[in-house]
N, C-alpha and C. Protein backbone atom coordinates (compact mmCIF):
# COMPACT_ATOMS: atom_id res chain seq x y z
N MET A 1 12.71 -1.61 -30.25
CA MET A 1 12.41 -2.18 -31.57
C MET A 1 12.84 -3.64 -31.60
N ALA A 2 11.99 -4.49 -32.18
CA ALA A 2 12.30 -5.92 -32.27
C ALA A 2 13.52 -6.16 -33.14
N ARG A 3 14.21 -7.26 -32.87
CA ARG A 3 15.43 -7.58 -33.60
C ARG A 3 15.16 -8.00 -35.04
N ILE A 4 13.94 -8.46 -35.31
CA ILE A 4 13.54 -8.71 -36.70
C ILE A 4 12.21 -8.01 -36.94
N GLN A 5 11.99 -7.56 -38.14
CA GLN A 5 10.74 -6.87 -38.47
C GLN A 5 9.60 -7.86 -38.61
N GLY A 6 8.45 -7.51 -38.06
CA GLY A 6 7.28 -8.34 -38.25
C GLY A 6 6.80 -8.26 -39.68
N VAL A 7 5.85 -9.12 -40.04
CA VAL A 7 5.31 -9.13 -41.39
C VAL A 7 4.34 -7.95 -41.54
N PRO A 8 4.63 -6.99 -42.42
CA PRO A 8 3.72 -5.85 -42.61
C PRO A 8 2.37 -6.32 -43.13
N ARG A 9 1.34 -5.57 -42.81
CA ARG A 9 -0.02 -5.96 -43.22
C ARG A 9 -0.13 -6.11 -44.73
N ASP A 10 0.54 -5.20 -45.49
CA ASP A 10 0.39 -5.26 -46.94
C ASP A 10 1.16 -6.42 -47.57
N GLN A 11 1.97 -7.12 -46.76
CA GLN A 11 2.69 -8.28 -47.26
C GLN A 11 2.15 -9.58 -46.66
N ALA A 12 1.16 -9.46 -45.80
CA ALA A 12 0.60 -10.64 -45.12
C ALA A 12 -0.50 -11.26 -45.96
N GLY A 13 -0.70 -12.57 -45.78
CA GLY A 13 -1.77 -13.27 -46.47
C GLY A 13 -3.12 -12.91 -45.86
N PRO A 14 -4.21 -13.32 -46.53
CA PRO A 14 -5.57 -12.98 -46.05
C PRO A 14 -5.83 -13.43 -44.62
N MET A 15 -5.43 -14.65 -44.26
CA MET A 15 -5.68 -15.15 -42.91
C MET A 15 -4.89 -14.36 -41.88
N THR A 16 -3.64 -14.02 -42.21
CA THR A 16 -2.82 -13.24 -41.27
C THR A 16 -3.40 -11.85 -41.08
N ARG A 17 -3.87 -11.23 -42.16
CA ARG A 17 -4.48 -9.91 -42.04
C ARG A 17 -5.73 -9.97 -41.15
N LEU A 18 -6.46 -11.07 -41.25
CA LEU A 18 -7.65 -11.25 -40.41
C LEU A 18 -7.23 -11.37 -38.94
N VAL A 19 -6.17 -12.12 -38.71
CA VAL A 19 -5.66 -12.26 -37.34
C VAL A 19 -5.24 -10.89 -36.80
N TYR A 20 -4.53 -10.10 -37.61
CA TYR A 20 -4.12 -8.77 -37.19
C TYR A 20 -5.33 -7.93 -36.78
N PHE A 21 -6.38 -7.99 -37.62
CA PHE A 21 -7.58 -7.19 -37.35
C PHE A 21 -8.19 -7.57 -36.01
N PHE A 22 -8.39 -8.86 -35.79
CA PHE A 22 -9.04 -9.30 -34.56
C PHE A 22 -8.13 -9.12 -33.34
N MET A 23 -6.82 -9.24 -33.54
CA MET A 23 -5.90 -9.02 -32.42
C MET A 23 -5.93 -7.57 -31.97
N ARG A 24 -5.92 -6.64 -32.92
CA ARG A 24 -5.99 -5.22 -32.56
C ARG A 24 -7.31 -4.90 -31.85
N LYS A 25 -8.38 -5.47 -32.37
CA LYS A 25 -9.69 -5.26 -31.77
C LYS A 25 -9.73 -5.85 -30.36
N GLY A 26 -9.16 -7.04 -30.21
CA GLY A 26 -9.14 -7.70 -28.91
C GLY A 26 -8.27 -6.96 -27.90
N MET A 27 -7.14 -6.45 -28.36
CA MET A 27 -6.25 -5.67 -27.47
C MET A 27 -6.97 -4.43 -26.96
N LYS A 28 -7.69 -3.76 -27.85
CA LYS A 28 -8.41 -2.54 -27.44
C LYS A 28 -9.47 -2.89 -26.40
N LYS A 29 -10.15 -4.01 -26.60
CA LYS A 29 -11.19 -4.41 -25.66
C LYS A 29 -10.58 -4.79 -24.31
N MET A 30 -9.48 -5.53 -24.32
CA MET A 30 -8.88 -5.99 -23.07
C MET A 30 -8.20 -4.88 -22.29
N THR A 31 -7.58 -3.93 -23.02
CA THR A 31 -6.81 -2.88 -22.34
C THR A 31 -7.58 -1.58 -22.16
N GLY A 32 -8.57 -1.36 -23.01
CA GLY A 32 -9.33 -0.12 -22.94
C GLY A 32 -8.60 1.09 -23.47
N ARG A 33 -7.47 0.86 -24.15
CA ARG A 33 -6.72 2.00 -24.69
C ARG A 33 -5.82 1.55 -25.83
N GLU A 34 -5.29 2.53 -26.56
CA GLU A 34 -4.37 2.25 -27.66
C GLU A 34 -2.95 2.16 -27.13
N PRO A 35 -2.07 1.43 -27.81
CA PRO A 35 -0.66 1.39 -27.39
C PRO A 35 -0.02 2.75 -27.59
N ALA A 36 0.96 3.07 -26.75
CA ALA A 36 1.66 4.35 -26.88
C ALA A 36 2.75 4.26 -27.94
N GLN A 37 3.24 3.04 -28.18
CA GLN A 37 4.28 2.83 -29.20
C GLN A 37 3.90 1.66 -30.11
N GLY A 38 4.10 1.84 -31.38
CA GLY A 38 3.92 0.74 -32.33
C GLY A 38 2.47 0.31 -32.49
N SER A 39 2.31 -0.88 -33.06
CA SER A 39 0.97 -1.39 -33.36
C SER A 39 0.30 -2.01 -32.15
N GLY A 40 1.09 -2.40 -31.15
CA GLY A 40 0.53 -3.09 -29.99
C GLY A 40 0.40 -4.58 -30.17
N ILE A 41 0.68 -5.07 -31.38
CA ILE A 41 0.62 -6.52 -31.62
C ILE A 41 1.95 -7.00 -32.25
N GLU A 42 3.04 -6.36 -31.87
CA GLU A 42 4.34 -6.71 -32.45
C GLU A 42 4.69 -8.19 -32.35
N PRO A 43 4.43 -8.85 -31.20
CA PRO A 43 4.75 -10.29 -31.15
C PRO A 43 4.01 -11.10 -32.21
N VAL A 44 2.73 -10.78 -32.44
CA VAL A 44 1.94 -11.50 -33.45
C VAL A 44 2.53 -11.25 -34.84
N GLU A 45 2.98 -10.03 -35.09
CA GLU A 45 3.56 -9.70 -36.40
C GLU A 45 4.86 -10.46 -36.64
N VAL A 46 5.61 -10.73 -35.57
CA VAL A 46 6.82 -11.55 -35.72
C VAL A 46 6.45 -13.02 -35.88
N TRP A 47 5.47 -13.50 -35.09
CA TRP A 47 4.99 -14.88 -35.24
C TRP A 47 4.49 -15.12 -36.67
N ALA A 48 4.01 -14.07 -37.34
CA ALA A 48 3.42 -14.21 -38.68
C ALA A 48 4.42 -14.67 -39.73
N HIS A 49 5.70 -14.68 -39.41
CA HIS A 49 6.67 -15.27 -40.32
C HIS A 49 6.44 -16.78 -40.44
N GLN A 50 5.75 -17.36 -39.45
CA GLN A 50 5.37 -18.78 -39.46
C GLN A 50 3.85 -18.85 -39.16
N PRO A 51 3.01 -18.63 -40.18
CA PRO A 51 1.56 -18.55 -39.95
C PRO A 51 0.94 -19.76 -39.26
N LYS A 52 1.45 -20.96 -39.54
CA LYS A 52 0.88 -22.15 -38.89
C LYS A 52 1.13 -22.14 -37.39
N LEU A 53 2.31 -21.67 -36.98
CA LEU A 53 2.60 -21.56 -35.56
C LEU A 53 1.72 -20.49 -34.92
N MET A 54 1.54 -19.39 -35.62
CA MET A 54 0.68 -18.31 -35.13
C MET A 54 -0.75 -18.80 -34.93
N SER A 55 -1.24 -19.59 -35.89
CA SER A 55 -2.60 -20.14 -35.79
C SER A 55 -2.72 -21.09 -34.60
N GLY A 56 -1.70 -21.91 -34.39
CA GLY A 56 -1.71 -22.83 -33.26
C GLY A 56 -1.76 -22.11 -31.93
N MET A 57 -1.08 -20.97 -31.83
CA MET A 57 -1.10 -20.17 -30.61
C MET A 57 -2.53 -19.73 -30.29
N GLY A 58 -3.26 -19.30 -31.32
CA GLY A 58 -4.62 -18.84 -31.11
C GLY A 58 -5.52 -19.96 -30.60
N LYS A 59 -5.40 -21.14 -31.17
CA LYS A 59 -6.23 -22.27 -30.76
C LYS A 59 -5.96 -22.68 -29.32
N PHE A 60 -4.71 -22.51 -28.89
CA PHE A 60 -4.31 -22.91 -27.55
C PHE A 60 -5.00 -22.07 -26.48
N GLN A 61 -5.44 -20.86 -26.84
CA GLN A 61 -5.98 -19.91 -25.87
C GLN A 61 -7.49 -20.02 -25.68
N LYS A 62 -8.13 -20.98 -26.32
CA LYS A 62 -9.59 -20.99 -26.34
C LYS A 62 -10.27 -21.65 -25.15
N ALA A 63 -9.55 -22.45 -24.37
CA ALA A 63 -10.18 -23.14 -23.24
C ALA A 63 -10.39 -22.16 -22.08
N HIS A 64 -11.59 -22.18 -21.49
CA HIS A 64 -11.88 -21.26 -20.38
C HIS A 64 -12.72 -21.98 -19.33
N THR A 65 -12.06 -22.44 -18.25
CA THR A 65 -12.80 -23.04 -17.14
C THR A 65 -12.46 -22.34 -15.83
N VAL A 66 -11.47 -21.46 -15.84
CA VAL A 66 -11.17 -20.67 -14.64
C VAL A 66 -11.63 -19.24 -14.88
N ASP A 67 -11.89 -18.52 -13.80
CA ASP A 67 -12.40 -17.16 -13.92
C ASP A 67 -11.34 -16.24 -14.51
N GLU A 68 -11.82 -15.17 -15.12
CA GLU A 68 -10.96 -14.22 -15.84
C GLU A 68 -9.92 -13.60 -14.93
N ARG A 69 -10.32 -13.23 -13.71
CA ARG A 69 -9.38 -12.59 -12.79
C ARG A 69 -8.18 -13.50 -12.51
N LEU A 70 -8.46 -14.78 -12.22
CA LEU A 70 -7.36 -15.70 -11.93
C LEU A 70 -6.48 -15.92 -13.15
N LYS A 71 -7.10 -16.04 -14.31
CA LYS A 71 -6.35 -16.23 -15.55
C LYS A 71 -5.37 -15.07 -15.76
N TYR A 72 -5.87 -13.84 -15.64
CA TYR A 72 -5.01 -12.68 -15.84
C TYR A 72 -3.92 -12.59 -14.78
N LEU A 73 -4.26 -13.01 -13.57
CA LEU A 73 -3.31 -12.96 -12.46
C LEU A 73 -2.11 -13.88 -12.69
N VAL A 74 -2.39 -15.13 -13.07
CA VAL A 74 -1.28 -16.06 -13.27
C VAL A 74 -0.49 -15.72 -14.54
N GLU A 75 -1.17 -15.21 -15.56
CA GLU A 75 -0.47 -14.78 -16.76
C GLU A 75 0.52 -13.66 -16.44
N LEU A 76 0.07 -12.69 -15.66
CA LEU A 76 0.93 -11.56 -15.33
C LEU A 76 2.10 -12.00 -14.46
N LYS A 77 1.85 -12.88 -13.49
CA LYS A 77 2.93 -13.37 -12.62
C LYS A 77 3.96 -14.13 -13.46
N GLY A 78 3.49 -14.96 -14.38
CA GLY A 78 4.40 -15.71 -15.23
C GLY A 78 5.25 -14.80 -16.10
N ALA A 79 4.62 -13.78 -16.68
CA ALA A 79 5.35 -12.82 -17.52
C ALA A 79 6.36 -12.05 -16.69
N GLN A 80 5.97 -11.73 -15.45
CA GLN A 80 6.88 -11.01 -14.55
C GLN A 80 8.15 -11.84 -14.29
N MET A 81 7.97 -13.14 -14.09
CA MET A 81 9.12 -14.00 -13.79
C MET A 81 10.04 -14.15 -15.00
N ILE A 82 9.46 -14.18 -16.20
CA ILE A 82 10.27 -14.29 -17.41
C ILE A 82 11.02 -12.99 -17.68
N GLY A 83 10.41 -11.87 -17.29
CA GLY A 83 11.05 -10.58 -17.54
C GLY A 83 10.71 -10.01 -18.90
N CYS A 84 9.52 -10.36 -19.42
CA CYS A 84 9.10 -9.87 -20.74
C CYS A 84 8.47 -8.49 -20.60
N GLU A 85 9.15 -7.46 -21.11
CA GLU A 85 8.66 -6.09 -20.99
C GLU A 85 7.31 -5.90 -21.67
N PHE A 86 7.16 -6.45 -22.88
CA PHE A 86 5.90 -6.31 -23.60
C PHE A 86 4.76 -6.89 -22.78
N CYS A 87 4.99 -8.05 -22.18
CA CYS A 87 3.92 -8.77 -21.50
C CYS A 87 3.54 -8.17 -20.16
N VAL A 88 4.51 -7.68 -19.38
CA VAL A 88 4.14 -7.07 -18.10
C VAL A 88 3.44 -5.73 -18.33
N ASP A 89 3.85 -5.01 -19.37
CA ASP A 89 3.17 -3.77 -19.74
C ASP A 89 1.72 -4.07 -20.14
N LEU A 90 1.55 -4.99 -21.08
CA LEU A 90 0.21 -5.36 -21.55
C LEU A 90 -0.61 -6.00 -20.43
N GLY A 91 -0.01 -6.95 -19.72
CA GLY A 91 -0.73 -7.66 -18.66
C GLY A 91 -1.17 -6.76 -17.53
N SER A 92 -0.34 -5.78 -17.18
CA SER A 92 -0.72 -4.84 -16.13
C SER A 92 -1.95 -4.04 -16.53
N GLN A 93 -2.00 -3.61 -17.80
CA GLN A 93 -3.15 -2.84 -18.26
C GLN A 93 -4.39 -3.71 -18.41
N ILE A 94 -4.21 -4.94 -18.87
CA ILE A 94 -5.37 -5.85 -18.96
C ILE A 94 -5.96 -6.08 -17.57
N CYS A 95 -5.09 -6.31 -16.58
CA CYS A 95 -5.57 -6.52 -15.22
C CYS A 95 -6.28 -5.27 -14.70
N ARG A 96 -5.69 -4.10 -14.92
CA ARG A 96 -6.29 -2.85 -14.47
C ARG A 96 -7.65 -2.64 -15.13
N ASN A 97 -7.72 -2.89 -16.43
CA ASN A 97 -8.96 -2.68 -17.18
C ASN A 97 -10.05 -3.68 -16.79
N SER A 98 -9.64 -4.83 -16.23
CA SER A 98 -10.63 -5.84 -15.81
C SER A 98 -11.01 -5.69 -14.34
N GLY A 99 -10.45 -4.66 -13.67
CA GLY A 99 -10.89 -4.39 -12.30
C GLY A 99 -9.84 -4.44 -11.22
N PHE A 100 -8.61 -4.82 -11.55
CA PHE A 100 -7.54 -4.83 -10.55
C PHE A 100 -7.22 -3.39 -10.13
N SER A 101 -6.92 -3.21 -8.87
CA SER A 101 -6.51 -1.89 -8.37
C SER A 101 -5.00 -1.73 -8.51
N ASP A 102 -4.53 -0.48 -8.47
CA ASP A 102 -3.09 -0.23 -8.48
C ASP A 102 -2.43 -0.90 -7.29
N ALA A 103 -3.12 -0.89 -6.15
CA ALA A 103 -2.56 -1.52 -4.94
C ALA A 103 -2.33 -3.02 -5.17
N GLU A 104 -3.25 -3.67 -5.87
CA GLU A 104 -3.09 -5.10 -6.14
C GLU A 104 -1.90 -5.34 -7.07
N LEU A 105 -1.75 -4.50 -8.09
CA LEU A 105 -0.61 -4.65 -9.01
C LEU A 105 0.71 -4.45 -8.27
N LEU A 106 0.76 -3.45 -7.41
CA LEU A 106 2.00 -3.18 -6.66
C LEU A 106 2.30 -4.27 -5.65
N ALA A 107 1.25 -4.99 -5.21
CA ALA A 107 1.44 -6.06 -4.22
C ALA A 107 1.88 -7.37 -4.85
N MET A 108 1.83 -7.46 -6.18
CA MET A 108 2.15 -8.73 -6.86
C MET A 108 3.50 -9.33 -6.46
N PRO A 109 4.58 -8.56 -6.40
CA PRO A 109 5.87 -9.18 -6.05
C PRO A 109 5.89 -9.77 -4.63
N ARG A 110 4.99 -9.29 -3.75
CA ARG A 110 4.94 -9.77 -2.37
C ARG A 110 3.53 -10.27 -2.04
N TYR A 111 2.95 -11.03 -2.97
CA TYR A 111 1.55 -11.43 -2.85
C TYR A 111 1.27 -12.23 -1.59
N ARG A 112 2.21 -13.03 -1.12
CA ARG A 112 2.00 -13.87 0.06
C ARG A 112 1.77 -13.04 1.32
N GLN A 113 2.38 -11.85 1.37
CA GLN A 113 2.24 -10.98 2.55
C GLN A 113 1.05 -10.03 2.41
N SER A 114 0.33 -10.09 1.31
CA SER A 114 -0.75 -9.14 1.05
C SER A 114 -2.11 -9.74 1.40
N ASP A 115 -3.01 -8.88 1.92
CA ASP A 115 -4.38 -9.33 2.19
C ASP A 115 -5.31 -8.97 1.04
N LEU A 116 -4.73 -8.56 -0.10
CA LEU A 116 -5.52 -8.18 -1.27
C LEU A 116 -5.87 -9.38 -2.14
N PHE A 117 -5.25 -10.53 -1.86
CA PHE A 117 -5.50 -11.74 -2.65
C PHE A 117 -6.07 -12.82 -1.76
N THR A 118 -6.97 -13.62 -2.31
CA THR A 118 -7.55 -14.74 -1.56
C THR A 118 -6.52 -15.86 -1.44
N GLU A 119 -6.81 -16.80 -0.56
CA GLU A 119 -5.90 -17.94 -0.42
C GLU A 119 -5.87 -18.77 -1.70
N ARG A 120 -7.01 -18.85 -2.38
CA ARG A 120 -7.08 -19.54 -3.67
C ARG A 120 -6.13 -18.89 -4.68
N GLU A 121 -6.17 -17.56 -4.73
CA GLU A 121 -5.30 -16.83 -5.66
C GLU A 121 -3.83 -16.97 -5.27
N LYS A 122 -3.54 -16.91 -3.99
CA LYS A 122 -2.16 -17.05 -3.53
C LYS A 122 -1.62 -18.44 -3.86
N THR A 123 -2.46 -19.45 -3.73
CA THR A 123 -2.04 -20.81 -4.06
C THR A 123 -1.75 -20.91 -5.56
N ALA A 124 -2.61 -20.31 -6.38
CA ALA A 124 -2.38 -20.31 -7.83
C ALA A 124 -1.09 -19.56 -8.18
N LEU A 125 -0.80 -18.49 -7.46
CA LEU A 125 0.44 -17.75 -7.70
C LEU A 125 1.66 -18.55 -7.24
N ASP A 126 1.52 -19.29 -6.13
CA ASP A 126 2.60 -20.20 -5.70
C ASP A 126 2.88 -21.23 -6.80
N TYR A 127 1.80 -21.77 -7.35
CA TYR A 127 1.92 -22.77 -8.41
C TYR A 127 2.56 -22.17 -9.65
N THR A 128 2.14 -20.95 -9.99
CA THR A 128 2.73 -20.25 -11.13
C THR A 128 4.23 -20.10 -10.97
N ALA A 129 4.65 -19.63 -9.79
CA ALA A 129 6.07 -19.44 -9.53
C ALA A 129 6.83 -20.75 -9.64
N ALA A 130 6.23 -21.83 -9.15
CA ALA A 130 6.89 -23.14 -9.17
C ALA A 130 7.00 -23.69 -10.59
N VAL A 131 5.93 -23.52 -11.37
CA VAL A 131 5.94 -24.01 -12.76
C VAL A 131 6.92 -23.22 -13.61
N MET A 132 7.01 -21.93 -13.38
CA MET A 132 7.83 -21.06 -14.23
C MET A 132 9.32 -21.16 -13.93
N ARG A 133 9.68 -21.73 -12.78
CA ARG A 133 11.10 -21.86 -12.46
C ARG A 133 11.75 -22.93 -13.33
N THR A 134 13.06 -22.80 -13.50
CA THR A 134 13.83 -23.81 -14.21
C THR A 134 14.90 -24.35 -13.26
N PRO A 135 14.85 -25.65 -12.89
CA PRO A 135 13.81 -26.62 -13.26
C PRO A 135 12.50 -26.36 -12.52
N VAL A 136 11.44 -26.98 -13.01
CA VAL A 136 10.12 -26.85 -12.38
C VAL A 136 10.19 -27.34 -10.94
N GLU A 137 9.53 -26.61 -10.02
CA GLU A 137 9.61 -26.94 -8.59
C GLU A 137 8.24 -27.19 -7.97
N VAL A 138 7.38 -27.91 -8.67
CA VAL A 138 6.05 -28.23 -8.13
C VAL A 138 6.17 -29.44 -7.21
N THR A 139 6.00 -29.21 -5.92
CA THR A 139 6.09 -30.29 -4.95
C THR A 139 4.75 -31.01 -4.81
N ASP A 140 4.76 -32.19 -4.21
CA ASP A 140 3.50 -32.90 -3.96
C ASP A 140 2.60 -32.07 -3.04
N GLU A 141 3.20 -31.39 -2.07
CA GLU A 141 2.42 -30.57 -1.13
C GLU A 141 1.73 -29.42 -1.85
N LEU A 142 2.44 -28.76 -2.75
CA LEU A 142 1.86 -27.65 -3.51
C LEU A 142 0.76 -28.17 -4.43
N PHE A 143 0.98 -29.29 -5.08
CA PHE A 143 -0.03 -29.84 -5.98
C PHE A 143 -1.30 -30.20 -5.21
N ALA A 144 -1.11 -30.75 -3.99
CA ALA A 144 -2.26 -31.09 -3.15
C ALA A 144 -3.04 -29.84 -2.75
N ARG A 145 -2.33 -28.76 -2.45
CA ARG A 145 -3.00 -27.50 -2.13
C ARG A 145 -3.80 -26.98 -3.33
N MET A 146 -3.22 -27.10 -4.52
CA MET A 146 -3.94 -26.68 -5.72
C MET A 146 -5.22 -27.49 -5.90
N LYS A 147 -5.15 -28.78 -5.63
CA LYS A 147 -6.32 -29.66 -5.81
C LYS A 147 -7.44 -29.33 -4.84
N GLU A 148 -7.12 -28.64 -3.76
CA GLU A 148 -8.16 -28.20 -2.82
C GLU A 148 -9.01 -27.09 -3.42
N HIS A 149 -8.46 -26.38 -4.39
CA HIS A 149 -9.14 -25.21 -4.96
C HIS A 149 -9.59 -25.38 -6.41
N PHE A 150 -8.98 -26.33 -7.13
CA PHE A 150 -9.23 -26.42 -8.57
C PHE A 150 -9.54 -27.85 -8.99
N SER A 151 -10.44 -27.98 -9.98
CA SER A 151 -10.78 -29.29 -10.55
C SER A 151 -9.65 -29.76 -11.46
N ASP A 152 -9.73 -31.03 -11.88
CA ASP A 152 -8.74 -31.55 -12.81
C ASP A 152 -8.71 -30.73 -14.10
N GLU A 153 -9.92 -30.38 -14.60
CA GLU A 153 -10.00 -29.60 -15.83
C GLU A 153 -9.32 -28.24 -15.66
N GLN A 154 -9.54 -27.62 -14.52
CA GLN A 154 -8.92 -26.32 -14.26
C GLN A 154 -7.41 -26.44 -14.08
N MET A 155 -6.98 -27.53 -13.46
CA MET A 155 -5.54 -27.75 -13.30
C MET A 155 -4.86 -27.87 -14.66
N VAL A 156 -5.50 -28.60 -15.57
CA VAL A 156 -4.93 -28.74 -16.91
C VAL A 156 -4.90 -27.38 -17.61
N GLU A 157 -5.98 -26.61 -17.47
CA GLU A 157 -6.03 -25.30 -18.13
C GLU A 157 -4.95 -24.37 -17.59
N ILE A 158 -4.82 -24.28 -16.26
CA ILE A 158 -3.84 -23.38 -15.66
C ILE A 158 -2.43 -23.77 -16.06
N THR A 159 -2.14 -25.08 -16.03
CA THR A 159 -0.79 -25.53 -16.37
C THR A 159 -0.50 -25.31 -17.85
N ALA A 160 -1.49 -25.57 -18.71
CA ALA A 160 -1.30 -25.31 -20.13
C ALA A 160 -1.13 -23.81 -20.39
N LEU A 161 -1.89 -22.99 -19.66
CA LEU A 161 -1.76 -21.54 -19.80
C LEU A 161 -0.34 -21.09 -19.46
N LEU A 162 0.23 -21.65 -18.40
CA LEU A 162 1.59 -21.28 -18.01
C LEU A 162 2.61 -21.76 -19.04
N THR A 163 2.31 -22.87 -19.69
CA THR A 163 3.17 -23.33 -20.78
C THR A 163 3.17 -22.30 -21.91
N VAL A 164 1.99 -21.74 -22.21
CA VAL A 164 1.89 -20.70 -23.22
C VAL A 164 2.61 -19.43 -22.77
N VAL A 165 2.45 -19.08 -21.48
CA VAL A 165 3.14 -17.90 -20.95
C VAL A 165 4.65 -18.02 -21.15
N ASN A 166 5.17 -19.24 -21.06
CA ASN A 166 6.60 -19.45 -21.29
C ASN A 166 7.02 -18.99 -22.68
N LEU A 167 6.06 -18.92 -23.60
CA LEU A 167 6.37 -18.42 -24.94
C LEU A 167 6.67 -16.92 -24.93
N ASP A 168 6.45 -16.27 -23.78
CA ASP A 168 6.86 -14.87 -23.66
C ASP A 168 8.38 -14.74 -23.85
N ARG A 169 9.09 -15.83 -23.68
CA ARG A 169 10.54 -15.82 -23.92
C ARG A 169 10.82 -15.46 -25.39
N PHE A 170 9.87 -15.78 -26.25
CA PHE A 170 9.94 -15.40 -27.67
C PHE A 170 10.13 -13.89 -27.78
N ASN A 171 9.30 -13.13 -27.06
CA ASN A 171 9.38 -11.67 -27.11
C ASN A 171 10.71 -11.16 -26.57
N ALA A 172 11.16 -11.76 -25.47
CA ALA A 172 12.43 -11.33 -24.87
C ALA A 172 13.59 -11.62 -25.82
N ALA A 173 13.57 -12.79 -26.46
CA ALA A 173 14.65 -13.17 -27.37
C ALA A 173 14.74 -12.22 -28.56
N PHE A 174 13.58 -11.78 -29.06
CA PHE A 174 13.56 -10.88 -30.21
C PHE A 174 13.62 -9.40 -29.81
N GLY A 175 13.78 -9.15 -28.51
CA GLY A 175 13.90 -7.76 -28.06
C GLY A 175 12.65 -6.94 -28.25
N ILE A 176 11.48 -7.57 -28.16
CA ILE A 176 10.22 -6.85 -28.31
C ILE A 176 9.90 -6.18 -26.99
N GLY A 177 10.03 -4.86 -26.95
CA GLY A 177 9.84 -4.11 -25.72
C GLY A 177 8.40 -3.71 -25.47
N SER A 178 8.22 -2.90 -24.45
CA SER A 178 6.91 -2.41 -24.05
C SER A 178 6.23 -1.63 -25.18
N ALA A 179 4.91 -1.84 -25.32
CA ALA A 179 4.12 -1.07 -26.29
C ALA A 179 3.48 0.15 -25.65
N GLY A 180 3.73 0.34 -24.35
CA GLY A 180 3.21 1.52 -23.67
C GLY A 180 1.75 1.45 -23.29
N PHE A 181 1.18 0.25 -23.15
CA PHE A 181 -0.21 0.15 -22.73
C PHE A 181 -0.39 0.70 -21.32
N SER A 182 0.65 0.58 -20.49
CA SER A 182 0.58 1.07 -19.11
C SER A 182 1.30 2.39 -18.92
N GLU A 183 1.58 3.09 -20.01
CA GLU A 183 2.34 4.33 -19.91
C GLU A 183 1.64 5.33 -19.01
N GLY A 184 2.42 5.88 -18.06
CA GLY A 184 1.88 6.85 -17.13
C GLY A 184 1.12 6.24 -15.97
N MET A 185 1.07 4.89 -15.90
CA MET A 185 0.31 4.23 -14.85
C MET A 185 1.18 3.15 -14.19
N VAL A 186 0.65 2.57 -13.14
CA VAL A 186 1.36 1.51 -12.43
C VAL A 186 1.54 0.31 -13.34
N CYS A 187 2.73 -0.25 -13.33
CA CYS A 187 3.04 -1.44 -14.12
C CYS A 187 3.88 -2.38 -13.25
N VAL A 188 3.49 -3.64 -13.21
CA VAL A 188 4.26 -4.62 -12.44
C VAL A 188 5.66 -4.73 -13.03
N PRO A 189 6.72 -4.60 -12.22
CA PRO A 189 8.07 -4.70 -12.77
C PRO A 189 8.46 -6.15 -13.01
N PRO A 190 9.19 -6.45 -14.08
CA PRO A 190 9.68 -7.81 -14.29
C PRO A 190 10.63 -8.21 -13.17
N ASP A 191 10.61 -9.48 -12.79
CA ASP A 191 11.57 -9.98 -11.80
C ASP A 191 12.98 -9.96 -12.37
N ARG A 192 13.05 -10.36 -13.66
CA ARG A 192 14.34 -10.42 -14.34
C ARG A 192 14.22 -9.66 -15.65
N PRO A 193 14.44 -8.35 -15.63
CA PRO A 193 14.27 -7.55 -16.84
C PRO A 193 15.05 -8.10 -18.01
N ALA A 194 14.41 -8.14 -19.18
CA ALA A 194 15.04 -8.71 -20.37
C ALA A 194 16.15 -7.81 -20.92
N SER A 195 15.93 -6.48 -20.91
CA SER A 195 16.96 -5.59 -21.44
C SER A 195 17.00 -4.31 -20.64
N ALA A 196 15.94 -3.52 -20.71
CA ALA A 196 15.90 -2.27 -19.97
C ALA A 196 14.97 -2.42 -18.77
N ALA A 197 15.31 -1.79 -17.67
CA ALA A 197 14.52 -1.91 -16.45
C ALA A 197 13.16 -1.27 -16.65
N VAL A 198 12.13 -1.90 -16.07
CA VAL A 198 10.79 -1.33 -16.04
C VAL A 198 10.52 -0.97 -14.60
N THR A 199 10.23 0.28 -14.31
CA THR A 199 10.01 0.71 -12.95
C THR A 199 8.57 0.48 -12.55
N GLY A 200 8.25 0.84 -11.32
CA GLY A 200 6.89 0.64 -10.83
C GLY A 200 5.87 1.48 -11.57
N SER A 201 6.29 2.50 -12.27
CA SER A 201 5.37 3.32 -13.05
C SER A 201 6.04 3.71 -14.34
N ILE A 202 5.36 3.51 -15.46
CA ILE A 202 5.91 3.83 -16.77
C ILE A 202 5.45 5.22 -17.18
N GLY A 203 6.35 6.00 -17.75
CA GLY A 203 5.94 7.28 -18.28
C GLY A 203 6.61 8.44 -17.57
């Protein structure tokens, strides 16, 4: 349970209620299933205490110049590094529902040694790991490797996306746990669990 209660639908303004509606609809489409616990949009309900910030988050997500598979891959790796239980649970199911195999999810912590990812994907995951570290560890060599695979526009999108992924710390700070989207199935474990350990399979 989150450390603060999200804004209930009956107390939310018209715009927030609309966001709730489309978020639930979007979650169902991306995951292909209902959450096992709660509404499945708990972070959004907490963000709703500051509707302008919540709106800004939505606008930030609209740019799309990289393929869906890569986007989901770097999002999940970033969430894994932060240790956000909600995000690795959700991200694992989104990846699975978009075509990732269980073997690919299980290979995520050791992606460099796996033949399930392309060199382009491995480079993006290297970049993700470097951007998500504190302090940031993006070397000139790594940036040059990224430029071999991605345009300037894509570089900006991927880096901005990882900046948004850093907001997963919001969920960890408020103790927003797993919604059970991956319950009973393979789930990528967080590198640094926020509170309770998430094993290789939930349920």
